[in-house]
N, C-alpha and C. Protein backbone atom coordinates (compact mmCIF):
# COMPACT_ATOMS: atom_id res chain seq x y z
N UNK A 1 262.47 25.00 -63.35
CA UNK A 1 262.61 25.25 -62.37
C UNK A 1 261.43 24.43 -61.42
N UNK A 2 261.17 24.27 -60.57
CA UNK A 2 260.65 23.36 -59.35
C UNK A 2 259.52 23.82 -58.90
N UNK A 3 258.35 23.20 -58.85
CA UNK A 3 257.10 23.78 -58.33
C UNK A 3 257.51 24.04 -56.74
N UNK A 4 257.40 25.02 -55.91
CA UNK A 4 257.27 24.78 -54.78
C UNK A 4 256.08 24.83 -53.92
N UNK A 5 255.14 24.70 -54.33
CA UNK A 5 253.83 24.21 -53.94
C UNK A 5 253.81 22.74 -53.72
N UNK A 6 253.18 22.23 -52.72
CA UNK A 6 253.58 20.86 -52.27
C UNK A 6 252.12 20.29 -52.19
N UNK A 7 251.89 19.66 -53.39
CA UNK A 7 250.70 19.25 -54.08
C UNK A 7 250.34 18.04 -53.44
N UNK A 8 250.91 17.33 -52.61
CA UNK A 8 250.76 16.16 -51.61
C UNK A 8 250.24 16.57 -50.29
N UNK A 9 249.82 17.70 -50.09
CA UNK A 9 249.87 18.16 -48.72
C UNK A 9 247.89 17.62 -48.97
N UNK A 10 247.77 16.55 -47.55
CA UNK A 10 246.27 16.10 -47.60
C UNK A 10 245.98 15.89 -46.40
N UNK A 11 245.36 17.14 -45.79
CA UNK A 11 245.19 17.63 -44.57
C UNK A 11 243.52 16.41 -43.94
N UNK A 12 243.59 16.04 -43.00
CA UNK A 12 242.33 15.43 -42.68
C UNK A 12 241.14 16.54 -42.43
N UNK A 13 240.13 16.67 -43.00
CA UNK A 13 239.14 17.65 -42.84
C UNK A 13 238.51 17.80 -41.55
N UNK A 14 238.63 18.87 -40.95
CA UNK A 14 237.98 19.02 -39.69
C UNK A 14 238.79 18.32 -38.13
N UNK A 15 239.47 17.76 -38.53
CA UNK A 15 240.67 17.92 -37.46
C UNK A 15 241.81 18.95 -37.41
N UNK A 16 241.85 19.46 -36.27
CA UNK A 16 243.05 20.27 -35.88
C UNK A 16 244.32 19.56 -36.07
N UNK A 17 245.55 19.93 -36.61
CA UNK A 17 246.79 19.86 -36.95
C UNK A 17 247.39 20.78 -36.05
N UNK A 18 248.14 20.41 -35.13
CA UNK A 18 249.05 21.27 -34.35
C UNK A 18 250.51 21.52 -35.51
N UNK A 19 250.52 22.85 -35.54
CA UNK A 19 251.38 23.15 -36.33
C UNK A 19 252.85 23.47 -35.76
N UNK A 20 252.48 24.27 -34.60
CA UNK A 20 253.67 24.80 -33.62
C UNK A 20 252.71 24.82 -31.97
N UNK A 21 253.33 24.67 -31.06
CA UNK A 21 252.92 24.64 -29.90
C UNK A 21 252.02 25.27 -29.90
N UNK A 22 251.99 27.31 -30.14
CA UNK A 22 250.76 27.94 -30.00
C UNK A 22 250.05 28.19 -31.43
N UNK A 23 249.94 27.21 -32.46
CA UNK A 23 249.37 27.28 -33.59
C UNK A 23 248.63 25.73 -34.11
N UNK A 24 247.38 25.93 -34.23
CA UNK A 24 246.58 25.21 -34.51
C UNK A 24 246.10 25.07 -36.00
N UNK A 25 245.64 24.60 -36.61
CA UNK A 25 244.62 24.75 -38.11
C UNK A 25 243.35 23.23 -38.32
N UNK A 26 242.63 24.17 -38.72
CA UNK A 26 241.57 23.11 -39.06
C UNK A 26 241.30 23.66 -40.54
N UNK A 27 240.90 21.84 -41.32
CA UNK A 27 240.80 22.54 -42.68
C UNK A 27 238.89 22.21 -42.90
N UNK A 28 238.62 23.39 -43.64
CA UNK A 28 237.04 23.33 -43.96
C UNK A 28 236.95 22.38 -45.06
N UNK A 29 235.82 21.86 -45.18
CA UNK A 29 234.98 21.21 -46.11
C UNK A 29 234.58 21.67 -47.41
N UNK A 30 236.04 22.40 -47.78
CA UNK A 30 235.10 22.94 -49.27
C UNK A 30 236.62 23.07 -50.02
N UNK A 31 237.33 22.05 -50.18
CA UNK A 31 238.22 22.10 -51.59
C UNK A 31 237.49 22.25 -52.99
N UNK A 32 238.38 22.89 -53.43
CA UNK A 32 237.98 23.69 -54.46
C UNK A 32 239.35 23.92 -55.44
N UNK A 33 239.49 24.32 -56.58
CA UNK A 33 240.37 25.21 -57.38
C UNK A 33 240.88 26.48 -56.87
N UNK A 34 240.17 27.17 -55.90
CA UNK A 34 240.60 28.32 -54.91
C UNK A 34 240.91 28.06 -53.56
N UNK A 35 240.53 26.61 -53.33
CA UNK A 35 240.67 26.42 -51.69
C UNK A 35 241.94 25.52 -51.62
N UNK A 36 242.16 24.51 -52.97
CA UNK A 36 242.88 23.38 -52.79
C UNK A 36 242.46 22.30 -51.75
N UNK A 37 242.98 22.08 -50.84
CA UNK A 37 242.15 20.98 -49.87
C UNK A 37 240.98 21.59 -48.88
N UNK A 38 241.00 22.88 -48.89
CA UNK A 38 239.87 23.73 -48.10
C UNK A 38 240.51 24.50 -47.62
N UNK A 39 239.79 25.62 -47.08
CA UNK A 39 239.93 26.93 -46.37
C UNK A 39 240.71 26.23 -44.91
N UNK A 40 241.85 27.03 -44.58
CA UNK A 40 242.52 26.37 -43.05
C UNK A 40 242.29 27.62 -42.39
N UNK A 41 241.47 27.33 -41.02
CA UNK A 41 241.65 28.23 -40.46
C UNK A 41 242.54 28.12 -39.11
N UNK A 42 242.82 29.14 -38.60
CA UNK A 42 244.20 29.12 -37.63
C UNK A 42 243.43 29.13 -36.22
N UNK A 43 244.15 28.45 -34.80
CA UNK A 43 243.66 28.63 -33.75
C UNK A 43 245.61 29.22 -33.18
N UNK A 44 245.23 30.38 -32.43
CA UNK A 44 246.27 30.63 -31.96
C UNK A 44 246.35 30.85 -30.49
N UNK A 45 247.45 30.16 -30.01
CA UNK A 45 247.36 30.39 -28.50
C UNK A 45 247.09 29.44 -28.06
N UNK A 46 246.98 29.16 -26.59
CA UNK A 46 247.18 27.91 -25.68
C UNK A 46 245.85 27.87 -24.96
N UNK A 47 245.76 28.58 -23.60
CA UNK A 47 244.88 29.11 -22.53
C UNK A 47 244.02 29.80 -23.25
N UNK A 48 244.04 30.61 -24.01
CA UNK A 48 243.29 31.81 -24.51
C UNK A 48 243.83 31.79 -26.05
N UNK A 49 242.48 31.73 -27.04
CA UNK A 49 242.77 31.44 -28.57
C UNK A 49 242.35 32.83 -29.23
N UNK A 50 242.94 33.02 -30.29
CA UNK A 50 242.76 33.96 -31.44
C UNK A 50 242.45 33.21 -32.66
N UNK A 51 240.85 33.32 -33.09
CA UNK A 51 240.71 32.62 -34.60
C UNK A 51 241.35 33.52 -35.35
N UNK A 52 241.91 32.60 -36.66
CA UNK A 52 242.08 33.50 -37.98
C UNK A 52 241.76 32.54 -38.81
N UNK A 53 240.56 33.36 -39.74
CA UNK A 53 239.77 32.88 -40.53
C UNK A 53 239.06 31.86 -40.54
N UNK A 54 237.87 32.00 -40.04
CA UNK A 54 236.94 30.90 -39.12
C UNK A 54 236.62 30.15 -40.75
N UNK A 55 236.74 30.76 -41.86
CA UNK A 55 235.99 29.95 -43.00
C UNK A 55 234.32 30.10 -43.58
N UNK A 56 234.28 29.46 -44.41
CA UNK A 56 232.69 29.08 -45.09
C UNK A 56 231.87 28.69 -43.87
N UNK A 57 230.66 29.41 -44.12
CA UNK A 57 229.44 29.12 -43.03
C UNK A 57 229.26 27.49 -43.64
N UNK A 58 229.75 27.03 -42.61
CA UNK A 58 229.40 25.17 -42.78
C UNK A 58 229.50 24.88 -41.28
N UNK A 59 228.38 23.85 -41.29
CA UNK A 59 227.74 23.32 -39.76
C UNK A 59 229.04 22.63 -39.66
N UNK A 60 229.45 21.85 -40.36
CA UNK A 60 230.97 20.84 -40.07
C UNK A 60 231.48 21.48 -39.72
N UNK A 61 232.07 22.75 -40.36
CA UNK A 61 233.02 23.21 -40.01
C UNK A 61 233.37 24.09 -38.67
N UNK A 62 232.02 24.65 -38.44
CA UNK A 62 231.61 25.04 -37.35
C UNK A 62 231.71 24.44 -35.87
N UNK A 63 231.55 22.86 -36.12
CA UNK A 63 231.28 21.90 -35.17
C UNK A 63 232.92 21.41 -34.96
N UNK A 64 233.53 21.50 -35.88
CA UNK A 64 235.03 21.05 -35.79
C UNK A 64 235.75 22.36 -34.70
N UNK A 65 235.39 23.24 -35.51
CA UNK A 65 236.17 24.42 -34.69
C UNK A 65 236.12 24.58 -33.11
N UNK A 66 234.53 24.16 -32.78
CA UNK A 66 234.00 24.59 -31.31
C UNK A 66 234.77 23.02 -31.06
N UNK A 67 234.78 21.90 -31.48
CA UNK A 67 235.61 21.02 -30.65
C UNK A 67 236.92 21.32 -30.02
N UNK A 68 237.54 22.04 -31.44
CA UNK A 68 238.95 22.31 -31.35
C UNK A 68 239.63 23.44 -30.07
N UNK A 69 238.86 24.59 -30.39
CA UNK A 69 238.51 25.54 -29.08
C UNK A 69 238.52 24.24 -27.79
N UNK A 70 237.64 23.26 -27.76
CA UNK A 70 237.63 22.99 -26.47
C UNK A 70 237.37 23.41 -25.50
N UNK A 71 236.38 24.75 -25.42
CA UNK A 71 236.19 25.52 -24.37
C UNK A 71 236.84 26.44 -23.80
N UNK A 72 238.27 26.60 -24.35
CA UNK A 72 238.94 28.07 -24.12
C UNK A 72 238.34 29.09 -24.73
N UNK A 73 238.72 30.53 -23.89
CA UNK A 73 238.25 31.58 -24.29
C UNK A 73 239.02 31.67 -25.57
N UNK A 74 238.11 32.56 -25.97
CA UNK A 74 238.25 33.06 -27.77
C UNK A 74 238.35 34.66 -27.48
N UNK A 75 239.46 35.70 -27.83
CA UNK A 75 239.64 36.62 -27.44
C UNK A 75 239.35 37.74 -28.88
N UNK A 76 240.00 37.11 -29.82
CA UNK A 76 239.27 37.54 -30.97
C UNK A 76 239.57 36.46 -32.07
N UNK A 77 238.30 37.46 -33.16
CA UNK A 77 238.15 36.44 -34.44
C UNK A 77 238.99 37.30 -35.32
N UNK A 78 240.25 37.03 -36.20
CA UNK A 78 240.42 38.02 -37.07
C UNK A 78 240.23 37.27 -38.63
N UNK A 79 239.67 38.07 -39.66
CA UNK A 79 239.15 37.76 -41.02
C UNK A 79 240.48 38.79 -41.89
N UNK A 80 241.58 37.77 -42.12
CA UNK A 80 242.10 38.09 -43.14
C UNK A 80 241.67 39.02 -44.68
N UNK A 81 240.76 38.73 -45.14
CA UNK A 81 239.91 39.53 -46.10
C UNK A 81 238.69 38.91 -46.08
N UNK A 82 237.28 39.13 -46.82
CA UNK A 82 236.29 39.02 -46.74
C UNK A 82 235.60 38.31 -47.98
N UNK A 83 236.48 37.31 -48.21
CA UNK A 83 236.08 36.39 -49.38
C UNK A 83 234.95 35.04 -48.61
N UNK A 84 234.20 34.62 -49.79
CA UNK A 84 233.17 33.55 -48.97
C UNK A 84 233.72 32.31 -48.18
N UNK A 85 234.85 31.84 -48.97
CA UNK A 85 235.98 31.06 -48.13
C UNK A 85 236.56 31.50 -46.99
N UNK A 86 236.65 32.62 -46.18
CA UNK A 86 237.46 32.84 -44.85
C UNK A 86 236.44 33.70 -43.98
N UNK A 87 235.89 34.40 -44.12
CA UNK A 87 235.13 35.04 -43.39
C UNK A 87 233.58 35.25 -43.02
N UNK A 88 232.66 34.16 -43.72
CA UNK A 88 230.70 34.00 -43.57
C UNK A 88 231.10 33.36 -42.37
N UNK A 89 231.77 32.59 -41.61
CA UNK A 89 231.39 31.89 -40.62
C UNK A 89 231.78 32.67 -39.49
N UNK A 90 232.51 33.67 -39.69
CA UNK A 90 232.97 34.82 -38.48
C UNK A 90 232.00 35.50 -37.60
N UNK A 91 230.29 35.36 -38.31
CA UNK A 91 229.61 35.97 -37.23
C UNK A 91 228.89 35.15 -36.45
N UNK A 92 229.14 33.93 -37.00
CA UNK A 92 228.23 32.73 -36.17
C UNK A 92 229.32 32.15 -35.15
N UNK A 93 230.80 32.72 -35.41
CA UNK A 93 231.40 32.17 -34.19
C UNK A 93 231.57 33.14 -33.22
N UNK A 94 231.83 34.48 -33.67
CA UNK A 94 231.87 35.51 -32.75
C UNK A 94 230.16 35.44 -31.64
N UNK A 95 229.28 34.91 -32.30
CA UNK A 95 228.00 35.07 -31.40
C UNK A 95 228.31 34.16 -30.36
N UNK A 96 228.32 32.88 -31.06
CA UNK A 96 228.71 31.66 -30.09
C UNK A 96 229.52 31.83 -28.83
N UNK A 97 230.90 32.81 -29.33
CA UNK A 97 231.57 32.78 -28.60
C UNK A 97 231.83 34.18 -27.50
N UNK A 98 231.11 34.88 -28.29
CA UNK A 98 231.48 36.09 -27.57
C UNK A 98 232.29 36.98 -27.79
N UNK A 99 232.92 36.90 -29.33
CA UNK A 99 234.19 37.25 -29.33
C UNK A 99 234.23 38.47 -30.72
N UNK A 100 234.87 39.54 -30.40
CA UNK A 100 234.93 40.47 -31.69
C UNK A 100 235.51 40.11 -32.77
N UNK A 101 235.04 40.62 -33.76
CA UNK A 101 235.67 40.12 -35.31
C UNK A 101 236.63 41.42 -35.71
N UNK A 102 237.94 41.18 -36.06
CA UNK A 102 238.38 42.18 -36.37
C UNK A 102 239.19 41.66 -38.37
N UNK A 103 238.79 42.93 -38.74
CA UNK A 103 239.35 42.84 -40.21
C UNK A 103 239.31 44.34 -40.67
N UNK A 104 239.56 44.34 -41.56
CA UNK A 104 239.67 45.70 -42.79
C UNK A 104 239.41 45.67 -43.83
N UNK A 105 238.59 46.83 -44.20
CA UNK A 105 238.03 46.94 -45.89
C UNK A 105 237.05 46.21 -46.10
N UNK A 106 236.66 46.49 -47.39
CA UNK A 106 235.43 45.95 -48.33
C UNK A 106 236.14 44.44 -48.50
N UNK A 107 234.74 43.79 -49.29
CA UNK A 107 235.43 42.46 -50.24
C UNK A 107 236.27 42.87 -51.19
N UNK A 108 236.52 44.12 -51.93
CA UNK A 108 236.86 44.39 -52.81
C UNK A 108 238.26 45.37 -52.89
N UNK A 109 239.24 45.10 -51.57
CA UNK A 109 239.90 45.84 -51.08
C UNK A 109 240.88 44.99 -51.61
N UNK A 110 241.86 45.54 -52.32
CA UNK A 110 243.29 44.80 -52.52
C UNK A 110 243.41 44.04 -53.56
N UNK A 111 241.91 43.87 -54.48
CA UNK A 111 241.73 43.06 -55.59
C UNK A 111 242.86 43.29 -56.54
N UNK A 112 243.59 42.42 -57.55
CA UNK A 112 244.39 42.32 -58.78
C UNK A 112 243.26 42.51 -59.85
N UNK A 113 244.04 43.32 -60.60
CA UNK A 113 243.23 43.68 -62.03
C UNK A 113 242.28 42.44 -62.23
N UNK A 114 242.99 41.36 -62.28
CA UNK A 114 242.35 40.18 -62.60
C UNK A 114 241.39 39.51 -61.92
N UNK A 115 241.26 39.85 -60.86
CA UNK A 115 240.21 39.73 -59.84
C UNK A 115 238.89 40.65 -60.13
N UNK A 116 239.60 41.70 -60.18
CA UNK A 116 238.44 42.85 -60.54
C UNK A 116 237.94 42.30 -61.89
N UNK A 117 238.20 41.78 -63.10
CA UNK A 117 237.92 41.67 -63.85
C UNK A 117 236.67 40.31 -63.60
N UNK A 118 237.22 39.58 -62.80
CA UNK A 118 236.34 38.12 -62.88
C UNK A 118 235.24 38.59 -61.84
N UNK A 119 235.51 39.69 -60.72
CA UNK A 119 234.06 39.95 -60.15
C UNK A 119 233.33 40.73 -60.88
N UNK A 120 233.87 41.65 -61.85
CA UNK A 120 232.49 42.23 -63.06
C UNK A 120 231.94 41.16 -63.86
N UNK A 121 232.64 40.17 -63.89
CA UNK A 121 231.99 39.01 -64.51
C UNK A 121 231.04 38.16 -63.95
N UNK A 122 231.60 37.75 -62.53
CA UNK A 122 230.18 37.24 -61.87
C UNK A 122 229.21 38.54 -61.35
N UNK A 123 229.65 39.38 -61.36
CA UNK A 123 228.42 40.66 -61.23
C UNK A 123 227.18 40.61 -62.36
N UNK A 124 227.82 40.54 -63.30
CA UNK A 124 227.17 40.82 -64.96
C UNK A 124 226.66 39.30 -64.92
N UNK A 125 226.96 38.46 -64.29
CA UNK A 125 226.35 36.85 -65.08
C UNK A 125 225.22 37.12 -63.98
N UNK A 126 225.19 37.57 -62.48
CA UNK A 126 224.13 37.64 -61.72
C UNK A 126 222.87 38.63 -62.25
N UNK A 127 223.29 39.55 -62.83
CA UNK A 127 222.83 40.11 -63.29
C UNK A 127 221.63 39.88 -64.15
N UNK A 128 222.27 39.19 -65.32
CA UNK A 128 221.84 38.62 -66.08
C UNK A 128 220.98 37.33 -66.25
N UNK A 129 221.12 36.37 -65.06
CA UNK A 129 220.50 35.87 -64.35
C UNK A 129 219.19 36.35 -63.70
N UNK A 130 219.30 37.51 -63.08
CA UNK A 130 218.19 38.09 -62.44
C UNK A 130 216.95 38.44 -63.23
N UNK A 131 217.79 39.19 -64.52
CA UNK A 131 216.77 39.78 -65.86
C UNK A 131 216.09 38.35 -66.49
N UNK A 132 216.95 37.10 -66.74
CA UNK A 132 216.07 35.92 -67.47
C UNK A 132 215.12 35.54 -66.69
N UNK A 133 215.25 35.51 -65.22
CA UNK A 133 213.94 34.95 -64.23
C UNK A 133 212.87 36.17 -64.25
N UNK A 134 212.88 37.67 -64.26
CA UNK A 134 212.42 38.46 -64.52
C UNK A 134 211.40 38.46 -65.93
N UNK A 135 212.28 38.28 -66.66
CA UNK A 135 211.50 37.75 -67.96
C UNK A 135 210.69 36.51 -68.02
N UNK A 136 211.09 35.44 -67.86
CA UNK A 136 210.49 34.38 -67.39
C UNK A 136 209.30 34.36 -66.38
N UNK A 137 209.07 35.24 -65.80
CA UNK A 137 208.19 35.43 -64.82
C UNK A 137 207.20 36.34 -65.35
N UNK A 138 207.43 37.21 -66.18
CA UNK A 138 206.54 37.77 -67.05
C UNK A 138 205.86 37.15 -68.44
N UNK A 139 206.63 36.44 -68.83
CA UNK A 139 206.44 35.83 -69.80
C UNK A 139 205.29 34.69 -69.33
N UNK A 140 205.43 34.01 -68.08
CA UNK A 140 204.44 32.96 -67.56
C UNK A 140 202.88 34.00 -67.02
N UNK A 141 203.25 35.33 -67.00
CA UNK A 141 201.93 35.94 -66.22
C UNK A 141 201.43 36.31 -67.51
N UNK A 142 202.18 36.57 -68.57
CA UNK A 142 201.33 36.81 -70.18
C UNK A 142 200.67 35.61 -70.27
N UNK A 143 201.29 34.41 -70.76
CA UNK A 143 200.52 33.34 -70.97
C UNK A 143 199.29 33.29 -69.93
N UNK A 144 199.66 33.40 -68.65
CA UNK A 144 198.19 33.24 -68.07
C UNK A 144 197.23 34.11 -68.03
N UNK A 145 197.51 35.24 -68.14
CA UNK A 145 196.45 36.61 -68.75
C UNK A 145 195.71 36.20 -70.07
N UNK A 146 196.81 35.48 -70.82
CA UNK A 146 196.02 35.23 -72.51
C UNK A 146 195.17 34.16 -72.06
N UNK A 147 195.44 32.97 -71.38
CA UNK A 147 194.57 31.76 -71.26
C UNK A 147 193.46 32.61 -70.45
N UNK A 148 193.16 33.06 -69.32
CA UNK A 148 192.23 34.06 -68.87
C UNK A 148 191.36 34.39 -70.17
N UNK A 149 192.12 35.49 -70.76
CA UNK A 149 191.47 36.45 -71.73
C UNK A 149 190.61 35.07 -72.47
N UNK A 150 191.37 34.26 -73.21
CA UNK A 150 190.77 33.36 -74.09
C UNK A 150 189.34 32.35 -73.44
N UNK A 151 189.25 32.44 -72.07
CA UNK A 151 188.54 31.82 -71.62
C UNK A 151 187.14 32.76 -71.10
N UNK A 152 187.30 33.80 -71.38
CA UNK A 152 186.52 34.58 -71.07
C UNK A 152 185.77 34.88 -72.31
N UNK A 153 186.42 35.20 -73.30
CA UNK A 153 186.00 35.13 -74.53
C UNK A 153 185.52 33.87 -74.98
N UNK A 154 185.50 32.85 -74.75
CA UNK A 154 184.88 31.84 -75.36
C UNK A 154 183.75 31.46 -74.85
N UNK A 155 183.43 32.14 -73.27
CA UNK A 155 182.64 31.95 -72.79
C UNK A 155 181.32 32.98 -72.71
N UNK A 156 181.46 34.03 -73.61
CA UNK A 156 180.70 34.79 -74.49
C UNK A 156 180.48 34.43 -75.68
N UNK A 157 180.67 33.67 -75.74
CA UNK A 157 180.14 32.87 -77.68
C UNK A 157 179.27 32.02 -77.37
């Protein structure tokens, strides 16, 4: 069975690519195993635009989208889902362009069982890191208290 995925796709990050008369795409600089060459943000329309999936909070991507919009009014910002590669830039785009954000659901809407397990592992990892940091801070405080107590005791002798 052949692989239907085009592994040769190599967009120029930050440059709009016209897919159809009324559809352009701008690729964000966040290539990864999850985003392949980078998140693709779509500009739909000609005289007035809608933005679909503005992408990650990234200054270069924000600037690239603003340049591709080229002063045209933006009527809507559509977020297909609220992952860090698709939605964070929506707030800054909305503020800059005075356009409403449209989306539905929470971050975990529509997750598969696999994604639920990965999210749970990520939550556990963050909790362990936070606990580890708290324990390290307590240990440092105990060491400092012990040194202060030893200094006081030696001053009494």
